Protein backbone atom coordinates (compact mmCIF):
# COMPACT_ATOMS: atom_id res chain seq x y z
CA MET A 1 -87.06 -79.69 21.39
CA ARG A 2 -87.50 -76.82 18.79
CA SER A 3 -89.73 -74.82 21.09
CA VAL A 4 -87.31 -75.15 24.04
CA PHE A 5 -84.51 -74.05 21.68
CA LYS A 6 -86.52 -70.99 20.55
CA PHE A 7 -87.38 -70.06 24.23
CA GLY A 8 -83.83 -70.07 25.27
CA LEU A 9 -82.76 -67.96 22.43
CA MET A 10 -85.56 -65.46 23.18
CA VAL A 11 -84.31 -65.27 26.87
CA TRP A 12 -80.93 -64.25 25.55
CA ALA A 13 -82.49 -61.74 23.13
CA LEU A 14 -84.25 -60.05 26.16
CA LEU A 15 -80.87 -60.06 28.06
CA LEU A 16 -79.36 -58.16 25.09
CA THR A 17 -81.72 -55.36 25.56
CA LEU A 18 -81.01 -54.87 29.28
CA PRO A 19 -78.67 -51.96 30.17
CA ALA A 20 -75.29 -52.85 31.65
CA GLN A 21 -75.48 -52.40 35.43
CA ALA A 22 -72.79 -52.11 38.09
CA ALA A 23 -71.97 -55.28 40.02
CA PRO A 24 -70.97 -55.68 43.62
CA LEU A 25 -67.14 -56.05 43.84
CA MET A 26 -67.20 -59.38 45.58
CA ASP A 27 -69.17 -60.77 42.58
CA LEU A 28 -66.22 -59.87 40.24
CA VAL A 29 -63.07 -60.87 42.33
CA ASP A 30 -61.73 -63.57 44.56
CA ILE A 31 -59.47 -62.62 47.40
CA GLU A 32 -55.99 -64.27 47.35
CA GLY A 33 -55.42 -66.33 50.53
CA ILE A 34 -59.27 -66.75 51.08
CA ARG A 35 -60.17 -69.92 49.33
CA ALA A 36 -61.89 -73.29 49.96
CA ASN A 37 -59.62 -76.36 50.08
CA GLN A 38 -60.53 -79.88 48.86
CA VAL A 39 -59.71 -82.97 51.13
CA VAL A 40 -59.93 -86.74 50.26
CA GLY A 41 -59.62 -90.02 52.09
CA TYR A 42 -60.02 -93.74 51.58
CA GLY A 43 -62.49 -95.65 53.84
CA LEU A 44 -64.90 -98.47 54.08
CA VAL A 45 -68.78 -98.51 54.13
CA VAL A 46 -70.24 -101.39 56.04
CA GLY A 47 -73.77 -102.68 56.75
CA LEU A 48 -74.68 -103.11 53.08
CA ASP A 49 -77.40 -105.58 52.21
CA GLY A 50 -75.16 -108.04 50.10
CA SER A 51 -74.44 -105.28 47.72
CA GLY A 52 -70.84 -104.75 48.58
CA ASP A 53 -67.56 -105.57 46.78
CA LYS A 54 -67.05 -108.89 45.36
CA ASN A 55 -64.19 -111.23 46.40
CA GLN A 56 -62.06 -110.23 43.28
CA VAL A 57 -61.70 -106.71 44.91
CA LYS A 58 -58.72 -107.69 46.97
CA PHE A 59 -57.91 -104.23 48.49
CA THR A 60 -61.31 -104.41 50.34
CA SER A 61 -60.48 -107.60 52.04
CA GLN A 62 -57.02 -106.29 52.91
CA SER A 63 -58.51 -103.23 54.47
CA VAL A 64 -60.86 -105.16 56.48
CA ALA A 65 -58.13 -107.22 57.78
CA ASN A 66 -55.99 -104.30 58.75
CA LEU A 67 -59.05 -102.73 60.36
CA ILE A 68 -60.03 -105.54 62.65
CA LYS A 69 -56.27 -106.10 63.60
CA GLN A 70 -56.49 -102.77 65.37
CA PHE A 71 -59.20 -104.39 67.57
CA GLY A 72 -56.97 -107.32 68.46
CA ILE A 73 -58.51 -109.79 65.88
CA ASN A 74 -55.86 -111.54 63.64
CA LEU A 75 -57.05 -113.57 60.62
CA PRO A 76 -55.09 -116.71 59.90
CA PRO A 77 -52.65 -116.44 57.11
CA ASN A 78 -53.91 -117.01 53.46
CA VAL A 79 -57.58 -116.82 54.59
CA ASP A 80 -59.84 -114.58 52.32
CA PRO A 81 -62.92 -113.47 54.17
CA LYS A 82 -66.02 -113.61 52.12
CA LEU A 83 -67.26 -110.10 52.23
CA LYS A 84 -70.61 -109.01 50.82
CA ASN A 85 -71.66 -106.13 53.15
CA VAL A 86 -68.42 -103.96 52.86
CA ALA A 87 -67.23 -101.67 50.08
CA ALA A 88 -64.19 -99.73 49.60
CA VAL A 89 -64.97 -95.96 49.03
CA MET A 90 -63.31 -92.64 48.33
CA VAL A 91 -64.46 -89.71 50.59
CA THR A 92 -64.16 -86.18 49.44
CA ALA A 93 -65.18 -82.89 51.01
CA THR A 94 -64.59 -79.22 50.54
CA ILE A 95 -63.43 -77.12 53.65
CA PRO A 96 -64.64 -73.39 53.28
CA PRO A 97 -62.05 -70.72 54.02
CA SER A 98 -61.26 -69.95 57.68
CA TYR A 99 -63.06 -72.96 59.11
CA SER A 100 -61.78 -73.98 62.45
CA ALA A 101 -61.66 -77.12 64.42
CA GLY A 102 -65.12 -78.53 65.36
CA GLN A 103 -67.03 -77.16 62.55
CA THR A 104 -68.61 -79.72 60.17
CA VAL A 105 -68.89 -80.00 56.40
CA ASP A 106 -70.76 -82.30 54.03
CA VAL A 107 -68.76 -85.29 52.57
CA THR A 108 -69.43 -87.23 49.43
CA VAL A 109 -68.89 -91.03 49.33
CA SER A 110 -68.12 -92.85 46.02
CA SER A 111 -67.55 -96.57 45.54
CA LEU A 112 -64.15 -97.51 44.50
CA GLY A 113 -64.64 -101.23 43.83
CA ASP A 114 -67.51 -103.04 42.00
CA ALA A 115 -70.28 -102.70 44.78
CA LYS A 116 -73.73 -102.70 43.40
CA SER A 117 -75.16 -100.15 45.77
CA LEU A 118 -74.14 -98.18 48.98
CA ARG A 119 -77.68 -97.79 49.95
CA GLY A 120 -78.15 -98.31 53.83
CA GLY A 121 -74.43 -98.19 54.42
CA GLN A 122 -72.35 -96.73 57.22
CA LEU A 123 -69.11 -95.01 56.69
CA LEU A 124 -66.48 -95.80 59.25
CA MET A 125 -64.25 -93.16 60.51
CA THR A 126 -62.10 -91.88 57.66
CA PRO A 127 -59.26 -89.36 57.80
CA LEU A 128 -59.36 -86.74 55.17
CA MET A 129 -56.19 -85.31 53.91
CA GLY A 130 -55.11 -82.22 52.03
CA VAL A 131 -52.69 -82.03 49.17
CA ASP A 132 -49.78 -81.78 51.63
CA GLY A 133 -50.61 -85.11 53.11
CA GLU A 134 -51.89 -83.69 56.49
CA VAL A 135 -55.08 -84.77 58.03
CA TYR A 136 -57.54 -81.86 58.28
CA ALA A 137 -60.86 -83.59 58.98
CA LEU A 138 -62.56 -86.71 60.03
CA ALA A 139 -65.66 -88.31 58.34
CA GLN A 140 -68.13 -90.87 59.57
CA GLY A 141 -71.86 -91.48 59.47
CA ALA A 142 -74.79 -93.00 57.60
CA LEU A 143 -75.06 -92.46 53.84
CA VAL A 144 -78.06 -90.90 51.99
CA VAL A 145 -78.14 -92.50 48.58
CA GLY A 146 -80.62 -91.05 46.07
CA GLY A 147 -80.22 -93.85 43.36
CA VAL A 148 -81.97 -97.17 43.33
CA THR A 149 -80.66 -100.36 41.42
CA ALA A 150 -82.69 -103.63 41.05
CA SER A 151 -81.84 -106.77 39.11
CA GLY A 152 -83.35 -110.18 38.47
CA ARG A 153 -82.03 -113.69 38.07
CA SER A 154 -82.34 -113.47 34.38
CA GLY A 155 -79.72 -110.64 34.30
CA SER A 156 -82.12 -107.92 33.62
CA SER A 157 -81.80 -104.67 35.61
CA ILE A 158 -83.08 -101.29 36.16
CA ALA A 159 -81.43 -98.35 37.61
CA ILE A 160 -82.63 -94.85 38.70
CA ASN A 161 -79.77 -92.34 39.18
CA SER A 162 -76.61 -93.62 40.66
CA SER A 163 -76.72 -95.77 43.73
CA ASN A 164 -72.88 -95.85 43.99
CA THR A 165 -72.52 -92.40 45.37
CA GLY A 166 -73.91 -91.09 48.67
CA LEU A 167 -73.85 -88.00 50.75
CA ILE A 168 -73.44 -87.50 54.54
CA ALA A 169 -74.75 -84.12 55.70
CA ASN A 170 -72.39 -82.48 58.19
CA GLY A 171 -70.46 -85.97 58.20
CA GLY A 172 -67.02 -84.28 58.25
CA THR A 173 -65.45 -82.68 61.40
CA VAL A 174 -62.60 -80.17 60.89
CA GLU A 175 -59.87 -81.17 62.99
CA ARG A 176 -57.37 -78.28 62.40
CA MET A 177 -57.66 -75.10 60.62
CA ILE A 178 -55.97 -74.77 57.22
CA PRO A 179 -53.23 -71.96 57.42
CA SER A 180 -53.64 -68.80 55.42
CA ASP A 181 -51.38 -65.83 55.09
CA PHE A 182 -54.24 -63.34 54.66
CA ASN A 183 -53.87 -61.64 57.89
CA GLU A 184 -50.08 -61.50 57.67
CA ARG A 185 -49.81 -59.71 54.24
CA SER A 186 -49.54 -55.99 54.03
CA ASP A 187 -51.79 -55.76 51.08
CA VAL A 188 -54.98 -57.56 49.86
CA MET A 189 -54.73 -59.00 46.48
CA LEU A 190 -58.01 -59.02 44.32
CA ASN A 191 -58.00 -61.66 41.52
CA LEU A 192 -60.57 -61.08 38.84
CA ARG A 193 -62.71 -63.98 37.95
CA LYS A 194 -62.87 -62.82 34.30
CA PRO A 195 -59.57 -61.26 33.27
CA SER A 196 -60.16 -57.72 31.78
CA PHE A 197 -57.95 -54.70 31.76
CA GLN A 198 -61.09 -52.45 31.77
CA THR A 199 -62.58 -54.20 34.87
CA ALA A 200 -59.15 -54.10 36.78
CA SER A 201 -58.97 -50.36 35.99
CA ARG A 202 -62.45 -49.81 37.33
CA VAL A 203 -61.91 -51.79 40.47
CA ALA A 204 -58.77 -49.57 41.21
CA GLU A 205 -60.66 -46.34 40.50
CA ALA A 206 -63.67 -47.46 42.77
CA VAL A 207 -61.35 -48.34 45.73
CA ASN A 208 -59.28 -45.12 45.36
CA ALA A 209 -62.55 -43.02 45.20
CA ARG A 210 -63.77 -44.65 48.50
CA PHE A 211 -60.42 -44.77 50.39
CA GLY A 212 -58.26 -42.13 48.78
CA SER A 213 -55.75 -42.06 46.02
CA GLY A 214 -53.09 -44.78 45.97
CA SER A 215 -55.21 -47.29 48.03
CA ALA A 216 -55.43 -49.51 45.11
CA THR A 217 -53.16 -50.33 42.02
CA ALA A 218 -54.06 -52.38 38.99
CA LEU A 219 -51.14 -54.85 38.51
CA SER A 220 -52.50 -56.68 35.40
CA GLY A 221 -55.80 -57.57 33.82
CA THR A 222 -56.24 -60.14 36.57
CA LYS A 223 -54.75 -58.67 39.78
CA VAL A 224 -55.56 -55.53 41.87
CA SER A 225 -53.45 -54.73 44.88
CA VAL A 226 -55.28 -52.93 47.67
CA THR A 227 -53.51 -51.66 50.78
CA ALA A 228 -55.34 -52.67 53.81
CA PRO A 229 -54.83 -52.31 57.68
CA ILE A 230 -52.87 -54.97 59.47
CA SER A 231 -54.88 -55.19 62.56
CA GLY A 232 -57.44 -57.99 62.50
CA ASN A 233 -60.42 -55.97 63.41
CA GLN A 234 -59.64 -53.20 61.07
CA ARG A 235 -59.03 -55.41 58.17
CA ILE A 236 -62.35 -57.28 58.59
CA SER A 237 -64.06 -53.82 58.67
CA TYR A 238 -62.09 -52.79 55.67
CA MET A 239 -63.16 -55.90 53.69
CA ALA A 240 -66.70 -55.42 54.74
CA ILE A 241 -66.64 -51.88 53.20
CA LEU A 242 -65.04 -53.27 49.99
CA GLU A 243 -67.87 -55.83 49.56
CA THR A 244 -70.41 -52.82 49.39
CA LEU A 245 -68.41 -51.19 46.34
CA ASP A 246 -70.29 -51.40 43.07
CA VAL A 247 -67.97 -51.63 39.95
CA GLN A 248 -68.98 -51.42 36.28
CA GLU A 249 -67.57 -54.55 34.65
CA GLY A 250 -65.51 -54.13 31.62
CA ARG A 251 -66.45 -55.67 28.38
CA THR A 252 -65.28 -59.28 27.61
CA ARG A 253 -65.33 -61.21 24.41
CA PRO A 254 -68.82 -62.63 23.81
CA LYS A 255 -68.95 -66.44 23.78
CA VAL A 256 -71.06 -69.14 22.16
CA VAL A 257 -71.16 -72.36 24.15
CA PHE A 258 -71.93 -75.83 22.52
CA ASN A 259 -72.77 -78.83 24.53
CA SER A 260 -72.29 -81.74 22.07
CA ARG A 261 -73.73 -84.27 24.50
CA THR A 262 -77.13 -82.66 25.13
CA GLY A 263 -77.40 -80.58 21.92
CA THR A 264 -77.54 -77.35 23.92
CA VAL A 265 -76.46 -74.04 22.35
CA VAL A 266 -76.12 -70.89 24.34
CA VAL A 267 -75.46 -67.58 22.54
CA GLY A 268 -74.03 -64.92 24.87
CA GLN A 269 -74.82 -61.36 24.97
CA GLY A 270 -72.84 -59.17 22.46
CA VAL A 271 -72.64 -61.83 19.62
CA ARG A 272 -72.28 -60.10 16.24
CA VAL A 273 -71.74 -61.43 12.71
CA LYS A 274 -70.20 -59.68 9.83
CA ALA A 275 -71.94 -59.68 6.41
CA ALA A 276 -72.19 -63.27 5.37
CA ALA A 277 -74.25 -65.55 3.03
CA VAL A 278 -74.99 -69.03 4.27
CA ALA A 279 -76.38 -72.07 2.66
CA HIS A 280 -76.88 -74.98 4.93
CA GLY A 281 -78.21 -78.35 3.42
CA THR A 282 -78.64 -81.98 4.65
CA LEU A 283 -77.27 -84.83 2.67
CA THR A 284 -78.88 -88.27 3.51
CA VAL A 285 -77.58 -91.60 2.41
CA THR A 286 -79.94 -94.66 2.78
CA ILE A 287 -78.78 -98.31 2.38
CA SER A 288 -81.29 -101.11 2.60
CA GLU A 289 -80.48 -104.86 2.38
CA THR A 290 -82.91 -107.14 0.78
CA PRO A 291 -81.09 -110.56 0.59
CA GLN A 292 -82.43 -113.01 -2.04
CA VAL A 293 -82.20 -116.75 -2.22
CA SER A 294 -80.58 -118.10 -5.32
CA GLN A 295 -81.96 -121.57 -6.29
CA PRO A 296 -79.85 -123.68 -8.68
CA GLY A 297 -81.42 -125.57 -11.53
CA ALA A 298 -82.54 -129.16 -11.40
CA PHE A 299 -79.72 -131.78 -11.67
CA SER A 300 -77.16 -128.96 -11.91
CA GLY A 301 -75.26 -130.11 -8.85
CA GLY A 302 -75.34 -126.60 -7.50
CA GLN A 303 -76.37 -125.53 -3.84
CA THR A 304 -78.89 -123.03 -2.74
CA ALA A 305 -77.31 -119.85 -1.62
CA VAL A 306 -78.37 -116.46 -0.11
CA VAL A 307 -77.23 -113.57 -2.37
CA PRO A 308 -77.06 -110.02 -0.83
CA ARG A 309 -78.73 -107.27 -2.49
CA SER A 310 -78.10 -103.67 -1.57
CA ASP A 311 -80.30 -100.59 -2.52
CA ILE A 312 -78.37 -97.12 -2.03
CA GLY A 313 -80.20 -93.91 -2.22
CA VAL A 314 -78.77 -90.45 -1.82
CA SER A 315 -80.91 -87.38 -1.29
CA GLN A 316 -79.99 -83.94 -0.47
CA GLN A 317 -82.29 -81.26 1.12
CA ARG A 318 -82.21 -78.06 -0.77
CA ASN A 319 -82.32 -74.85 1.44
CA PRO A 320 -82.09 -71.33 -0.02
CA MET A 321 -79.13 -69.26 0.86
CA PHE A 322 -79.71 -66.52 3.36
CA ALA A 323 -77.69 -63.51 4.17
CA TRP A 324 -76.85 -61.61 7.47
CA PRO A 325 -76.16 -57.82 7.19
CA ASP A 326 -72.79 -56.57 8.67
CA GLY A 327 -73.00 -55.98 12.36
CA ALA A 328 -76.12 -58.22 12.90
CA GLU A 329 -76.79 -58.72 16.58
CA LEU A 330 -78.24 -61.44 18.66
CA ASP A 331 -81.89 -60.76 17.91
CA SER A 332 -81.18 -60.67 14.16
CA ILE A 333 -79.53 -63.97 14.36
CA ILE A 334 -82.34 -65.61 16.44
CA LYS A 335 -84.92 -64.31 13.87
CA THR A 336 -83.09 -65.83 10.94
CA VAL A 337 -82.42 -69.09 12.63
CA ASN A 338 -85.99 -69.58 13.79
CA SER A 339 -87.26 -68.63 10.32
CA LEU A 340 -85.21 -71.59 8.95
CA GLY A 341 -86.54 -74.06 11.59
CA ALA A 342 -83.11 -74.98 12.36
CA THR A 343 -82.17 -77.60 15.01
CA PRO A 344 -79.30 -77.06 17.58
CA ASP A 345 -77.04 -79.24 15.48
CA ASP A 346 -77.66 -77.00 12.56
CA VAL A 347 -76.82 -73.94 14.54
CA MET A 348 -73.64 -75.51 15.71
CA SER A 349 -72.62 -76.21 12.07
CA ILE A 350 -73.51 -72.61 10.96
CA LEU A 351 -71.83 -70.89 13.75
CA GLN A 352 -68.63 -72.94 13.33
CA ALA A 353 -68.64 -72.35 9.69
CA LEU A 354 -69.02 -68.43 10.42
CA GLU A 355 -66.21 -68.44 12.97
CA GLN A 356 -63.85 -70.23 10.51
CA ALA A 357 -64.74 -67.71 7.81
CA GLY A 358 -63.96 -64.89 10.25
CA ALA A 359 -67.44 -63.53 10.06
CA LEU A 360 -68.41 -64.38 13.80
CA ASN A 361 -67.31 -61.87 16.50
CA ALA A 362 -67.40 -64.41 19.45
CA GLU A 363 -65.50 -67.16 21.02
CA LEU A 364 -66.66 -70.83 20.36
CA ILE A 365 -66.54 -73.03 23.47
CA VAL A 366 -67.27 -76.77 23.03
CA ILE A 367 -68.03 -78.88 26.22
């Protein structure tokens, strides 16, 4: 674990020494009106080998009854069909921008009830709706499930990955194009993915240098308005030229990201610390229970009892105090941390304490 942690920090140290380079404009901005859209639907997966929803999942039975009613089959009242090969699922997909009717997308199918596995199942035709409630795609097909679940009569079981989620490649067919006002607007709005006044100003300067003064205006640290032709062909050609522009990205506040679940620490480029002295120790409390049997004396009338006995010990690891010079950069931080043999948890604690003391020039993000 420690070697992997050191390797990750070494990679970031190498990145620190690389000179800043211009990036393509389309890597820095998103175009307003050109975006992907999420759709969702409720459906049924059939053909499961006894691993479907159990009887207590009532909406699965209701859905099956409503489905077969469309084919002229009516169940008697108060009859609950015993279904083992059917599972209620939620179907999700993302429709890329400008997709038209007839194009296909991948769909993800996830169990909604208590089905054990969706392996071998077939999704029945499911309408996929947008946030406005309109149907934009239909999904159907055989599921590809990467997980495996096995259980025995004794109750023991083993699972590899998740078997309650599957994918249908090209299983969704777009039925209608999602409308966009991109071709109707007199200007093209560029939204910066990382807000920065420097980057917005440089984007406007690069566009004006290519198309002439007044072609682009930086409205804020996030938006840049660009005047573009209205004609469809001309606008497409104009956007193709925009994609070739190189822009020097402005400086953003460096970040340190903690993943508390995996113990991962990522220190971004540009992190610096002010002059600080740090002492980090470990306090360990050990409690051991050694119960003893208390035997009463002969003819005393007492009863044998178990008497608890606890041994408590406290130990504290003594680590020397170390100092960082003012303006220490990432490579200095790496060398100091590695010399101490600190674990990722130790690094989290040290950097959090430095940030609270005002000695860390970085934004801490915990995920």
